[in-house]
Amino acid sequence: ELKLLMNDGAISKTLLEAAGLNVANVVVEKLFGDKTVHINCAA
């Protein structure tokens, strides 16, 4: 199993593209466009 928590962060298409996370990059673009979105919590 893998458990992961992130609090008080931010994501964007540009950020995920730079990190090489191709799948997440496409999902975030479709959800939020190219804007930076503040993340209260990712679990």
Full PDB file with SEQRES, HELIX, SHEET, SSBOND, CRYST1, ORIGX, SCALE, CONECT and MASTER records, all heavy atoms in Angstrom:
SEQRES   1 A   43  GLU LEU LYS LEU LEU MET ASN ASP GLY ALA ILE SER LYS          
SEQRES   2 A   43  THR LEU LEU GLU ALA ALA GLY LEU ASN VAL ALA ASN VAL          
SEQRES   3 A   43  VAL VAL GLU LYS LEU PHE GLY ASP LYS THR VAL HIS ILE          
SEQRES   4 A   43  ASN CYS ALA ALA                                              
HELIX    1 AA1 LYS A   13  ALA A   18  1                                   6    
HELIX    2 AA2 ASN A   22  PHE A   32  1                                  11    
SHEET    1 AA1 2 MET A   6  ILE A  11  0                                        
SHEET    2 AA1 2 VAL A  37  ALA A  42 -1                                        
CRYST1    1.000    1.000    1.000  90.00  90.00  90.00 P 1           1          
ORIGX1      1.000000  0.000000  0.000000        0.00000                         
ORIGX2      0.000000  1.000000  0.000000        0.00000                         
ORIGX3      0.000000  0.000000  1.000000        0.00000                         
SCALE1      1.000000  0.000000  0.000000        0.00000                         
SCALE2      0.000000  1.000000  0.000000        0.00000                         
SCALE3      0.000000  0.000000  1.000000        0.00000                         
ATOM      1  N   GLU A   1       0.829  -1.199   0.000  1.00  0.00           N  
ATOM      2  CA  GLU A   1       0.000   0.000   0.000  1.00  0.00           C  
ATOM      3  C   GLU A   1       0.860   1.244   0.000  1.00  0.00           C  
ATOM      4  O   GLU A   1       2.033   1.224   0.408  1.00  0.00           O  
ATOM      5  CB  GLU A   1      -0.945   0.006   1.203  1.00  0.00           C  
ATOM      6  CG  GLU A   1      -0.239  -0.082   2.543  1.00  0.00           C  
ATOM      7  CD  GLU A   1      -1.226  -0.160   3.701  1.00  0.00           C  
ATOM      8  OE1 GLU A   1      -2.403  -0.469   3.451  1.00  0.00           O  
ATOM      9  OE2 GLU A   1      -0.818   0.105   4.849  1.00  0.00           O  
ATOM     10  N   LEU A   2       0.255   2.325  -0.464  1.00  0.00           N  
ATOM     11  CA  LEU A   2       0.897   3.632  -0.530  1.00  0.00           C  
ATOM     12  C   LEU A   2      -0.089   4.662  -0.017  1.00  0.00           C  
ATOM     13  O   LEU A   2      -1.226   4.741  -0.497  1.00  0.00           O  
ATOM     14  CB  LEU A   2       1.322   3.952  -1.963  1.00  0.00           C  
ATOM     15  CG  LEU A   2       2.069   5.269  -2.220  1.00  0.00           C  
ATOM     16  CD1 LEU A   2       2.988   5.118  -3.425  1.00  0.00           C  
ATOM     17  CD2 LEU A   2       1.082   6.419  -2.486  1.00  0.00           C  
ATOM     18  N   LYS A   3       0.344   5.441   0.988  1.00  0.00           N  
ATOM     19  CA  LYS A   3      -0.481   6.500   1.547  1.00  0.00           C  
ATOM     20  C   LYS A   3       0.282   7.813   1.394  1.00  0.00           C  
ATOM     21  O   LYS A   3       1.470   7.892   1.738  1.00  0.00           O  
ATOM     22  CB  LYS A   3      -0.793   6.244   3.021  1.00  0.00           C  
ATOM     23  CG  LYS A   3      -1.631   5.005   3.294  1.00  0.00           C  
ATOM     24  CD  LYS A   3      -1.903   4.882   4.790  1.00  0.00           C  
ATOM     25  CE  LYS A   3      -2.872   3.751   5.090  1.00  0.00           C  
ATOM     26  NZ  LYS A   3      -2.278   2.423   4.831  1.00  0.00           N  
ATOM     27  N   LEU A   4      -0.403   8.852   0.904  1.00  0.00           N  
ATOM     28  CA  LEU A   4       0.258  10.116   0.632  1.00  0.00           C  
ATOM     29  C   LEU A   4      -0.696  11.263   0.924  1.00  0.00           C  
ATOM     30  O   LEU A   4      -1.867  11.229   0.547  1.00  0.00           O  
ATOM     31  CB  LEU A   4       0.698  10.181  -0.833  1.00  0.00           C  
ATOM     32  CG  LEU A   4       1.557  11.378  -1.252  1.00  0.00           C  
ATOM     33  CD1 LEU A   4       2.924  11.306  -0.595  1.00  0.00           C  
ATOM     34  CD2 LEU A   4       1.720  11.395  -2.769  1.00  0.00           C  
ATOM     35  N   LEU A   5      -0.157  12.287   1.608  1.00  0.00           N  
ATOM     36  CA  LEU A   5      -0.930  13.474   1.929  1.00  0.00           C  
ATOM     37  C   LEU A   5      -0.140  14.720   1.557  1.00  0.00           C  
ATOM     38  O   LEU A   5       1.069  14.801   1.810  1.00  0.00           O  
ATOM     39  CB  LEU A   5      -1.242  13.544   3.427  1.00  0.00           C  
ATOM     40  CG  LEU A   5      -2.197  12.496   4.003  1.00  0.00           C  
ATOM     41  CD1 LEU A   5      -2.254  12.635   5.515  1.00  0.00           C  
ATOM     42  CD2 LEU A   5      -3.582  12.657   3.405  1.00  0.00           C  
ATOM     43  N   MET A   6      -0.844  15.689   0.951  1.00  0.00           N  
ATOM     44  CA  MET A   6      -0.250  16.993   0.684  1.00  0.00           C  
ATOM     45  C   MET A   6      -1.223  18.061   1.134  1.00  0.00           C  
ATOM     46  O   MET A   6      -2.414  18.000   0.798  1.00  0.00           O  
ATOM     47  CB  MET A   6       0.054  17.167  -0.805  1.00  0.00           C  
ATOM     48  CG  MET A   6       0.706  18.501  -1.130  1.00  0.00           C  
ATOM     49  SD  MET A   6       0.911  18.800  -2.922  1.00  0.00           S  
ATOM     50  CE  MET A   6      -0.779  19.304  -3.355  1.00  0.00           C  
ATOM     51  N   ASN A   7      -0.758  19.031   1.891  1.00  0.00           N  
ATOM     52  CA  ASN A   7      -1.635  20.113   2.330  1.00  0.00           C  
ATOM     53  C   ASN A   7      -1.069  21.458   1.899  1.00  0.00           C  
ATOM     54  O   ASN A   7       0.138  21.643   1.755  1.00  0.00           O  
ATOM     55  CB  ASN A   7      -1.806  20.094   3.852  1.00  0.00           C  
ATOM     56  CG  ASN A   7      -0.528  20.457   4.576  1.00  0.00           C  
ATOM     57  OD1 ASN A   7       0.398  19.654   4.636  1.00  0.00           O  
ATOM     58  ND2 ASN A   7      -0.469  21.657   5.145  1.00  0.00           N  
ATOM     59  N   ASP A   8      -1.980  22.405   1.648  1.00  0.00           N  
ATOM     60  CA  ASP A   8      -1.622  23.794   1.338  1.00  0.00           C  
ATOM     61  C   ASP A   8      -0.630  23.890   0.193  1.00  0.00           C  
ATOM     62  O   ASP A   8       0.438  24.507   0.321  1.00  0.00           O  
ATOM     63  CB  ASP A   8      -1.045  24.489   2.582  1.00  0.00           C  
ATOM     64  CG  ASP A   8      -2.063  24.543   3.706  1.00  0.00           C  
ATOM     65  OD1 ASP A   8      -3.244  24.812   3.408  1.00  0.00           O  
ATOM     66  OD2 ASP A   8      -1.676  24.288   4.856  1.00  0.00           O  
ATOM     67  N   GLY A   9      -0.982  23.294  -0.919  1.00  0.00           N  
ATOM     68  CA  GLY A   9      -0.113  23.356  -2.083  1.00  0.00           C  
ATOM     69  C   GLY A   9      -0.799  24.015  -3.260  1.00  0.00           C  
ATOM     70  O   GLY A   9      -1.805  24.721  -3.114  1.00  0.00           O  
ATOM     71  N   ALA A  10      -0.235  23.792  -4.427  1.00  0.00           N  
ATOM     72  CA  ALA A  10      -0.808  24.353  -5.651  1.00  0.00           C  
ATOM     73  C   ALA A  10      -0.425  23.456  -6.811  1.00  0.00           C  
ATOM     74  O   ALA A  10       0.635  22.824  -6.809  1.00  0.00           O  
ATOM     75  CB  ALA A  10      -0.305  25.774  -5.879  1.00  0.00           C  
ATOM     76  N   ILE A  11      -1.316  23.397  -7.821  1.00  0.00           N  
ATOM     77  CA  ILE A  11      -1.012  22.641  -9.030  1.00  0.00           C  
ATOM     78  C   ILE A  11      -1.431  23.463 -10.238  1.00  0.00           C  
ATOM     79  O   ILE A  11      -2.298  24.331 -10.152  1.00  0.00           O  
ATOM     80  CB  ILE A  11      -1.723  21.270  -9.071  1.00  0.00           C  
ATOM     81  CG1 ILE A  11      -3.237  21.441  -9.002  1.00  0.00           C  
ATOM     82  CG2 ILE A  11      -1.203  20.336  -8.009  1.00  0.00           C  
ATOM     83  CD1 ILE A  11      -3.993  20.157  -9.271  1.00  0.00           C  
ATOM     84  N   SER A  12      -0.787  23.168 -11.339  1.00  0.00           N  
ATOM     85  CA  SER A  12      -1.146  23.797 -12.604  1.00  0.00           C  
ATOM     86  C   SER A  12      -0.638  22.914 -13.721  1.00  0.00           C  
ATOM     87  O   SER A  12       0.213  22.038 -13.522  1.00  0.00           O  
ATOM     88  CB  SER A  12      -0.541  25.200 -12.718  1.00  0.00           C  
ATOM     89  OG  SER A  12       0.869  25.115 -12.863  1.00  0.00           O  
ATOM     90  N   LYS A  13      -1.145  23.150 -14.912  1.00  0.00           N  
ATOM     91  CA  LYS A  13      -0.695  22.404 -16.088  1.00  0.00           C  
ATOM     92  C   LYS A  13       0.809  22.589 -16.284  1.00  0.00           C  
ATOM     93  O   LYS A  13       1.538  21.633 -16.545  1.00  0.00           O  
ATOM     94  CB  LYS A  13      -1.459  22.874 -17.323  1.00  0.00           C  
ATOM     95  CG  LYS A  13      -0.974  22.283 -18.641  1.00  0.00           C  
ATOM     96  CD  LYS A  13      -1.789  22.833 -19.792  1.00  0.00           C  
ATOM     97  CE  LYS A  13      -1.281  22.269 -21.131  1.00  0.00           C  
ATOM     98  NZ  LYS A  13       0.097  22.729 -21.418  1.00  0.00           N  
ATOM     99  N   THR A  14       1.274  23.815 -16.126  1.00  0.00           N  
ATOM    100  CA  THR A  14       2.695  24.101 -16.349  1.00  0.00           C  
ATOM    101  C   THR A  14       3.569  23.361 -15.341  1.00  0.00           C  
ATOM    102  O   THR A  14       4.611  22.800 -15.685  1.00  0.00           O  
ATOM    103  CB  THR A  14       2.944  25.616 -16.257  1.00  0.00           C  
ATOM    104  OG1 THR A  14       2.092  26.283 -17.176  1.00  0.00           O  
ATOM    105  CG2 THR A  14       4.392  25.942 -16.561  1.00  0.00           C  
ATOM    106  N   LEU A  15       3.130  23.358 -14.086  1.00  0.00           N  
ATOM    107  CA  LEU A  15       3.899  22.691 -13.036  1.00  0.00           C  
ATOM    108  C   LEU A  15       4.014  21.195 -13.292  1.00  0.00           C  
ATOM    109  O   LEU A  15       5.103  20.611 -13.218  1.00  0.00           O  
ATOM    110  CB  LEU A  15       3.238  22.943 -11.674  1.00  0.00           C  
ATOM    111  CG  LEU A  15       3.800  22.150 -10.486  1.00  0.00           C  
ATOM    112  CD1 LEU A  15       5.253  22.508 -10.253  1.00  0.00           C  
ATOM    113  CD2 LEU A  15       2.976  22.425  -9.232  1.00  0.00           C  
ATOM    114  N   LEU A  16       2.903  20.554 -13.611  1.00  0.00           N  
ATOM    115  CA  LEU A  16       2.918  19.113 -13.835  1.00  0.00           C  
ATOM    116  C   LEU A  16       3.688  18.768 -15.098  1.00  0.00           C  
ATOM    117  O   LEU A  16       4.337  17.719 -15.181  1.00  0.00           O  
ATOM    118  CB  LEU A  16       1.485  18.589 -13.925  1.00  0.00           C  
ATOM    119  CG  LEU A  16       0.673  18.707 -12.627  1.00  0.00           C  
ATOM    120  CD1 LEU A  16      -0.778  18.322 -12.881  1.00  0.00           C  
ATOM    121  CD2 LEU A  16       1.274  17.821 -11.540  1.00  0.00           C  
ATOM    122  N   GLU A  17       3.631  19.625 -16.092  1.00  0.00           N  
ATOM    123  CA  GLU A  17       4.378  19.400 -17.327  1.00  0.00           C  
ATOM    124  C   GLU A  17       5.874  19.430 -17.042  1.00  0.00           C  
ATOM    125  O   GLU A  17       6.637  18.614 -17.543  1.00  0.00           O  
ATOM    126  CB  GLU A  17       3.995  20.463 -18.350  1.00  0.00           C  
ATOM    127  CG  GLU A  17       4.524  20.198 -19.747  1.00  0.00           C  
ATOM    128  CD  GLU A  17       4.011  21.235 -20.739  1.00  0.00           C  
ATOM    129  OE1 GLU A  17       4.349  22.431 -20.585  1.00  0.00           O  
ATOM    130  OE2 GLU A  17       3.266  20.846 -21.650  1.00  0.00           O  
ATOM    131  N   ALA A  18       6.309  20.392 -16.214  1.00  0.00           N  
ATOM    132  CA  ALA A  18       7.721  20.487 -15.854  1.00  0.00           C  
ATOM    133  C   ALA A  18       8.163  19.286 -15.040  1.00  0.00           C  
ATOM    134  O   ALA A  18       9.318  18.851 -15.122  1.00  0.00           O  
ATOM    135  CB  ALA A  18       7.971  21.778 -15.079  1.00  0.00           C  
ATOM    136  N   ALA A  19       7.263  18.723 -14.235  1.00  0.00           N  
ATOM    137  CA  ALA A  19       7.599  17.570 -13.411  1.00  0.00           C  
ATOM    138  C   ALA A  19       7.550  16.266 -14.191  1.00  0.00           C  
ATOM    139  O   ALA A  19       7.908  15.209 -13.673  1.00  0.00           O  
ATOM    140  CB  ALA A  19       6.642  17.480 -12.216  1.00  0.00           C  
ATOM    141  N   GLY A  20       7.108  16.307 -15.442  1.00  0.00           N  
ATOM    142  CA  GLY A  20       7.054  15.112 -16.267  1.00  0.00           C  
ATOM    143  C   GLY A  20       5.873  14.217 -15.969  1.00  0.00           C  
ATOM    144  O   GLY A  20       5.859  13.052 -16.364  1.00  0.00           O  
ATOM    145  N   LEU A  21       4.862  14.712 -15.248  1.00  0.00           N  
ATOM    146  CA  LEU A  21       3.676  13.919 -14.910  1.00  0.00           C  
ATOM    147  C   LEU A  21       2.630  14.110 -16.006  1.00  0.00           C  
ATOM    148  O   LEU A  21       1.692  14.911 -15.888  1.00  0.00           O  
ATOM    149  CB  LEU A  21       3.133  14.348 -13.545  1.00  0.00           C  
ATOM    150  CG  LEU A  21       4.128  14.221 -12.382  1.00  0.00           C  
ATOM    151  CD1 LEU A  21       3.534  14.772 -11.096  1.00  0.00           C  
ATOM    152  CD2 LEU A  21       4.537  12.756 -12.204  1.00  0.00           C  
ATOM    153  N   ASN A  22       2.785  13.360 -17.075  1.00  0.00           N  
ATOM    154  CA  ASN A  22       1.972  13.581 -18.272  1.00  0.00           C  
ATOM    155  C   ASN A  22       0.492  13.334 -18.034  1.00  0.00           C  
ATOM    156  O   ASN A  22      -0.367  14.105 -18.491  1.00  0.00           O  
ATOM    157  CB  ASN A  22       2.469  12.689 -19.414  1.00  0.00           C  
ATOM    158  CG  ASN A  22       3.890  13.026 -19.819  1.00  0.00           C  
ATOM    159  OD1 ASN A  22       4.311  14.167 -19.683  1.00  0.00           O  
ATOM    160  ND2 ASN A  22       4.623  12.046 -20.302  1.00  0.00           N  
ATOM    161  N   VAL A  23       0.155  12.246 -17.338  1.00  0.00           N  
ATOM    162  CA  VAL A  23      -1.256  11.909 -17.127  1.00  0.00           C  
ATOM    163  C   VAL A  23      -1.923  12.976 -16.279  1.00  0.00           C  
ATOM    164  O   VAL A  23      -2.994  13.507 -16.612  1.00  0.00           O  
ATOM    165  CB  VAL A  23      -1.378  10.528 -16.468  1.00  0.00           C  
ATOM    166  CG1 VAL A  23      -2.845  10.210 -16.196  1.00  0.00           C  
ATOM    167  CG2 VAL A  23      -0.760   9.454 -17.360  1.00  0.00           C  
ATOM    168  N   ALA A  24      -1.303  13.312 -15.148  1.00  0.00           N  
ATOM    169  CA  ALA A  24      -1.872  14.329 -14.262  1.00  0.00           C  
ATOM    170  C   ALA A  24      -1.969  15.674 -14.964  1.00  0.00           C  
ATOM    171  O   ALA A  24      -2.916  16.453 -14.736  1.00  0.00           O  
ATOM    172  CB  ALA A  24      -1.014  14.449 -12.998  1.00  0.00           C  
ATOM    173  N   ASN A  25      -1.013  15.939 -15.824  1.00  0.00           N  
ATOM    174  CA  ASN A  25      -1.007  17.200 -16.570  1.00  0.00           C  
ATOM    175  C   ASN A  25      -2.273  17.334 -17.417  1.00  0.00           C  
ATOM    176  O   ASN A  25      -2.948  18.376 -17.427  1.00  0.00           O  
ATOM    177  CB  ASN A  25       0.250  17.241 -17.437  1.00  0.00           C  
ATOM    178  CG  ASN A  25       0.293  18.437 -18.354  1.00  0.00           C  
ATOM    179  OD1 ASN A  25      -0.283  19.464 -18.061  1.00  0.00           O  
ATOM    180  ND2 ASN A  25       0.964  18.294 -19.477  1.00  0.00           N  
ATOM    181  N   VAL A  26      -2.629  16.275 -18.135  1.00  0.00           N  
ATOM    182  CA  VAL A  26      -3.811  16.311 -19.004  1.00  0.00           C  
ATOM    183  C   VAL A  26      -5.080  16.438 -18.170  1.00  0.00           C  
ATOM    184  O   VAL A  26      -5.999  17.209 -18.516  1.00  0.00           O  
ATOM    185  CB  VAL A  26      -3.862  15.046 -19.892  1.00  0.00           C  
ATOM    186  CG1 VAL A  26      -5.129  15.036 -20.728  1.00  0.00           C  
ATOM    187  CG2 VAL A  26      -2.627  14.968 -20.770  1.00  0.00           C  
ATOM    188  N   VAL A  27      -5.146  15.713 -17.041  1.00  0.00           N  
ATOM    189  CA  VAL A  27      -6.338  15.755 -16.194  1.00  0.00           C  
ATOM    190  C   VAL A  27      -6.544  17.149 -15.626  1.00  0.00           C  
ATOM    191  O   VAL A  27      -7.652  17.713 -15.645  1.00  0.00           O  
ATOM    192  CB  VAL A  27      -6.226  14.713 -15.071  1.00  0.00           C  
ATOM    193  CG1 VAL A  27      -7.374  14.879 -14.074  1.00  0.00           C  
ATOM    194  CG2 VAL A  27      -6.231  13.304 -15.644  1.00  0.00           C  
ATOM    195  N   VAL A  28      -5.484  17.739 -15.097  1.00  0.00           N  
ATOM    196  CA  VAL A  28      -5.589  19.065 -14.484  1.00  0.00           C  
ATOM    197  C   VAL A  28      -5.985  20.107 -15.522  1.00  0.00           C  
ATOM    198  O   VAL A  28      -6.779  21.017 -15.254  1.00  0.00           O  
ATOM    199  CB  VAL A  28      -4.255  19.438 -13.800  1.00  0.00           C  
ATOM    200  CG1 VAL A  28      -4.231  20.918 -13.426  1.00  0.00           C  
ATOM    201  CG2 VAL A  28      -4.059  18.583 -12.565  1.00  0.00           C  
ATOM    202  N   GLU A  29      -5.454  19.987 -16.730  1.00  0.00           N  
ATOM    203  CA  GLU A  29      -5.805  20.944 -17.787  1.00  0.00           C  
ATOM    204  C   GLU A  29      -7.300  20.883 -18.096  1.00  0.00           C  
ATOM    205  O   GLU A  29      -7.956  21.913 -18.281  1.00  0.00           O  
ATOM    206  CB  GLU A  29      -4.987  20.669 -19.042  1.00  0.00           C  
ATOM    207  CG  GLU A  29      -5.281  21.658 -20.162  1.00  0.00           C  
ATOM    208  CD  GLU A  29      -4.539  21.323 -21.450  1.00  0.00           C  
ATOM    209  OE1 GLU A  29      -4.039  20.171 -21.558  1.00  0.00           O  
ATOM    210  OE2 GLU A  29      -4.475  22.184 -22.330  1.00  0.00           O  
ATOM    211  N   LYS A  30      -7.848  19.679 -18.136  1.00  0.00           N  
ATOM    212  CA  LYS A  30      -9.271  19.546 -18.446  1.00  0.00           C  
ATOM    213  C   LYS A  30     -10.149  20.016 -17.290  1.00  0.00           C  
ATOM    214  O   LYS A  30     -11.256  20.510 -17.495  1.00  0.00           O  
ATOM    215  CB  LYS A  30      -9.595  18.099 -18.813  1.00  0.00           C  
ATOM    216  CG  LYS A  30      -9.045  17.683 -20.179  1.00  0.00           C  
ATOM    217  CD  LYS A  30      -9.534  16.314 -20.586  1.00  0.00           C  
ATOM    218  CE  LYS A  30      -9.029  15.946 -21.989  1.00  0.00           C  
ATOM    219  NZ  LYS A  30      -9.617  16.821 -23.041  1.00  0.00           N  
ATOM    220  N   LEU A  31      -9.651  19.854 -16.048  1.00  0.00           N  
ATOM    221  CA  LEU A  31     -10.433  20.276 -14.893  1.00  0.00           C  
ATOM    222  C   LEU A  31     -10.368  21.776 -14.660  1.00  0.00           C  
ATOM    223  O   LEU A  31     -11.382  22.436 -14.419  1.00  0.00           O  
ATOM    224  CB  LEU A  31      -9.952  19.547 -13.639  1.00  0.00           C  
ATOM    225  CG  LEU A  31     -10.327  18.072 -13.502  1.00  0.00           C  
ATOM    226  CD1 LEU A  31      -9.650  17.480 -12.275  1.00  0.00           C  
ATOM    227  CD2 LEU A  31     -11.842  17.904 -13.392  1.00  0.00           C  
ATOM    228  N   PHE A  32      -9.139  22.310 -14.707  1.00  0.00           N  
ATOM    229  CA  PHE A  32      -8.937  23.691 -14.271  1.00  0.00           C  
ATOM    230  C   PHE A  32      -8.373  24.614 -15.347  1.00  0.00           C  
ATOM    231  O   PHE A  32      -8.119  25.786 -15.079  1.00  0.00           O  
ATOM    232  CB  PHE A  32      -7.975  23.719 -13.068  1.00  0.00           C  
ATOM    233  CG  PHE A  32      -8.402  22.832 -11.939  1.00  0.00           C  
ATOM    234  CD1 PHE A  32      -7.703  21.661 -11.648  1.00  0.00           C  
ATOM    235  CD2 PHE A  32      -9.504  23.154 -11.167  1.00  0.00           C  
ATOM    236  CE1 PHE A  32      -8.082  20.849 -10.594  1.00  0.00           C  
ATOM    237  CE2 PHE A  32      -9.883  22.344 -10.109  1.00  0.00           C  
ATOM    238  CZ  PHE A  32      -9.185  21.187  -9.822  1.00  0.00           C  
ATOM    239  N   GLY A  33      -8.119  24.097 -16.538  1.00  0.00           N  
ATOM    240  CA  GLY A  33      -7.463  24.921 -17.548  1.00  0.00           C  
ATOM    241  C   GLY A  33      -5.991  25.100 -17.201  1.00  0.00           C  
ATOM    242  O   GLY A  33      -5.372  24.231 -16.598  1.00  0.00           O  
ATOM    243  N   ASP A  34      -5.438  26.256 -17.563  1.00  0.00           N  
ATOM    244  CA  ASP A  34      -4.013  26.475 -17.350  1.00  0.00           C  
ATOM    245  C   ASP A  34      -3.736  27.342 -16.132  1.00  0.00           C  
ATOM    246  O   ASP A  34      -2.611  27.780 -15.915  1.00  0.00           O  
ATOM    247  CB  ASP A  34      -3.395  27.122 -18.598  1.00  0.00           C  
ATOM    248  CG  ASP A  34      -1.881  27.012 -18.604  1.00  0.00           C  
ATOM    249  OD1 ASP A  34      -1.358  26.141 -17.874  1.00  0.00           O  
ATOM    250  OD2 ASP A  34      -1.220  27.797 -19.303  1.00  0.00           O  
ATOM    251  N   LYS A  35      -4.756  27.595 -15.333  1.00  0.00           N  
ATOM    252  CA  LYS A  35      -4.542  28.451 -14.168  1.00  0.00           C  
ATOM    253  C   LYS A  35      -3.964  27.632 -13.004  1.00  0.00           C  
ATOM    254  O   LYS A  35      -4.106  26.411 -12.940  1.00  0.00           O  
ATOM    255  CB  LYS A  35      -5.843  29.101 -13.742  1.00  0.00           C  
ATOM    256  CG  LYS A  35      -6.876  28.119 -13.191  1.00  0.00           C  
ATOM    257  CD  LYS A  35      -8.133  28.843 -12.743  1.00  0.00           C  
ATOM    258  CE  LYS A  35      -9.146  27.847 -12.158  1.00  0.00           C  
ATOM    259  NZ  LYS A  35     -10.358  28.535 -11.667  1.00  0.00           N  
ATOM    260  N   THR A  36      -3.315  28.335 -12.095  1.00  0.00           N  
ATOM    261  CA  THR A  36      -2.780  27.704 -10.882  1.00  0.00           C  
ATOM    262  C   THR A  36      -3.899  27.593  -9.858  1.00  0.00           C  
ATOM    263  O   THR A  36      -4.604  28.570  -9.576  1.00  0.00           O  
ATOM    264  CB  THR A  36      -1.615  28.526 -10.310  1.00  0.00           C  
ATOM    265  OG1 THR A  36      -0.567  28.590 -11.274  1.00  0.00           O  
ATOM    266  CG2 THR A  36      -1.100  27.894  -9.032  1.00  0.00           C  
ATOM    267  N   VAL A  37      -4.082  26.402  -9.314  1.00  0.00           N  
ATOM    268  CA  VAL A  37      -5.172  26.136  -8.372  1.00  0.00           C  
ATOM    269  C   VAL A  37      -4.584  25.805  -7.008  1.00  0.00           C  
ATOM    270  O   VAL A  37      -3.701  24.941  -6.890  1.00  0.00           O  
ATOM    271  CB  VAL A  37      -6.049  24.961  -8.866  1.00  0.00           C  
ATOM    272  CG1 VAL A  37      -7.163  24.676  -7.859  1.00  0.00           C  
ATOM    273  CG2 VAL A  37      -6.618  25.270 -10.233  1.00  0.00           C  
ATOM    274  N   HIS A  38      -5.058  26.523  -5.975  1.00  0.00           N  
ATOM    275  CA  HIS A  38      -4.608  26.231  -4.611  1.00  0.00           C  
ATOM    276  C   HIS A  38      -5.245  24.930  -4.124  1.00  0.00           C  
ATOM    277  O   HIS A  38      -6.451  24.715  -4.287  1.00  0.00           O  
ATOM    278  CB  HIS A  38      -4.980  27.378  -3.674  1.00  0.00           C  
ATOM    279  CG  HIS A  38      -4.567  27.119  -2.248  1.00  0.00           C  
ATOM    280  ND1 HIS A  38      -3.272  27.260  -1.810  1.00  0.00           N  
ATOM    281  CD2 HIS A  38      -5.300  26.710  -1.181  1.00  0.00           C  
ATOM    282  CE1 HIS A  38      -3.211  26.953  -0.529  1.00  0.00           C  
ATOM    283  NE2 HIS A  38      -4.435  26.614  -0.122  1.00  0.00           N  
ATOM    284  N   ILE A  39      -4.434  24.079  -3.530  1.00  0.00           N  
ATOM    285  CA  ILE A  39      -4.896  22.779  -3.031  1.00  0.00           C  
ATOM    286  C   ILE A  39      -4.949  22.821  -1.513  1.00  0.00           C  
ATOM    287  O   ILE A  39      -3.918  23.028  -0.847  1.00  0.00           O  
ATOM    288  CB  ILE A  39      -3.952  21.643  -3.483  1.00  0.00           C  
ATOM    289  CG1 ILE A  39      -3.827  21.611  -5.005  1.00  0.00           C  
ATOM    290  CG2 ILE A  39      -4.447  20.307  -2.948  1.00  0.00           C  
ATOM    291  CD1 ILE A  39      -5.112  21.336  -5.728  1.00  0.00           C  
ATOM    292  N   ASN A  40      -6.153  22.666  -0.965  1.00  0.00           N  
ATOM    293  CA  ASN A  40      -6.259  22.546   0.490  1.00  0.00           C  
ATOM    294  C   ASN A  40      -5.634  21.239   0.957  1.00  0.00           C  
ATOM    295  O   ASN A  40      -4.865  21.209   1.923  1.00  0.00           O  
ATOM    296  CB  ASN A  40      -7.722  22.603   0.925  1.00  0.00           C  
ATOM    297  CG  ASN A  40      -8.353  23.938   0.595  1.00  0.00           C  
ATOM    298  OD1 ASN A  40      -7.689  24.973   0.631  1.00  0.00           O  
ATOM    299  ND2 ASN A  40      -9.638  23.911   0.248  1.00  0.00           N  
ATOM    300  N   CYS A  41      -5.990  20.189   0.259  1.00  0.00           N  
ATOM    301  CA  CYS A  41      -5.480  18.864   0.648  1.00  0.00           C  
ATOM    302  C   CYS A  41      -5.564  17.921  -0.545  1.00  0.00           C  
ATOM    303  O   CYS A  41      -6.555  17.934  -1.288  1.00  0.00           O  
ATOM    304  CB  CYS A  41      -6.306  18.298   1.805  1.00  0.00           C  
ATOM    305  SG  CYS A  41      -5.852  16.600   2.264  1.00  0.00           S  
ATOM    306  N   ALA A  42      -4.505  17.139  -0.719  1.00  0.00           N  
ATOM    307  CA  ALA A  42      -4.523  16.035  -1.677  1.00  0.00           C  
ATOM    308  C   ALA A  42      -4.192  14.773  -0.885  1.00  0.00           C  
ATOM    309  O   ALA A  42      -3.172  14.720  -0.183  1.00  0.00           O  
ATOM    310  CB  ALA A  42      -3.504  16.251  -2.784  1.00  0.00           C  
ATOM    311  N   ALA A  43      -5.061  13.777  -0.968  1.00  0.00           N  
ATOM    312  CA  ALA A  43      -4.872  12.554  -0.199  1.00  0.00           C  
ATOM    313  C   ALA A  43      -5.030  11.338  -1.107  1.00  0.00           C  
ATOM    314  O   ALA A  43      -5.940  11.297  -1.940  1.00  0.00           O  
ATOM    315  CB  ALA A  43      -5.880  12.485   0.947  1.00  0.00           C  
TER     316      ALA A  43                                                      
MASTER        0    0    0    2    2    0    0    6  315    1    0    4          
END                                                                             
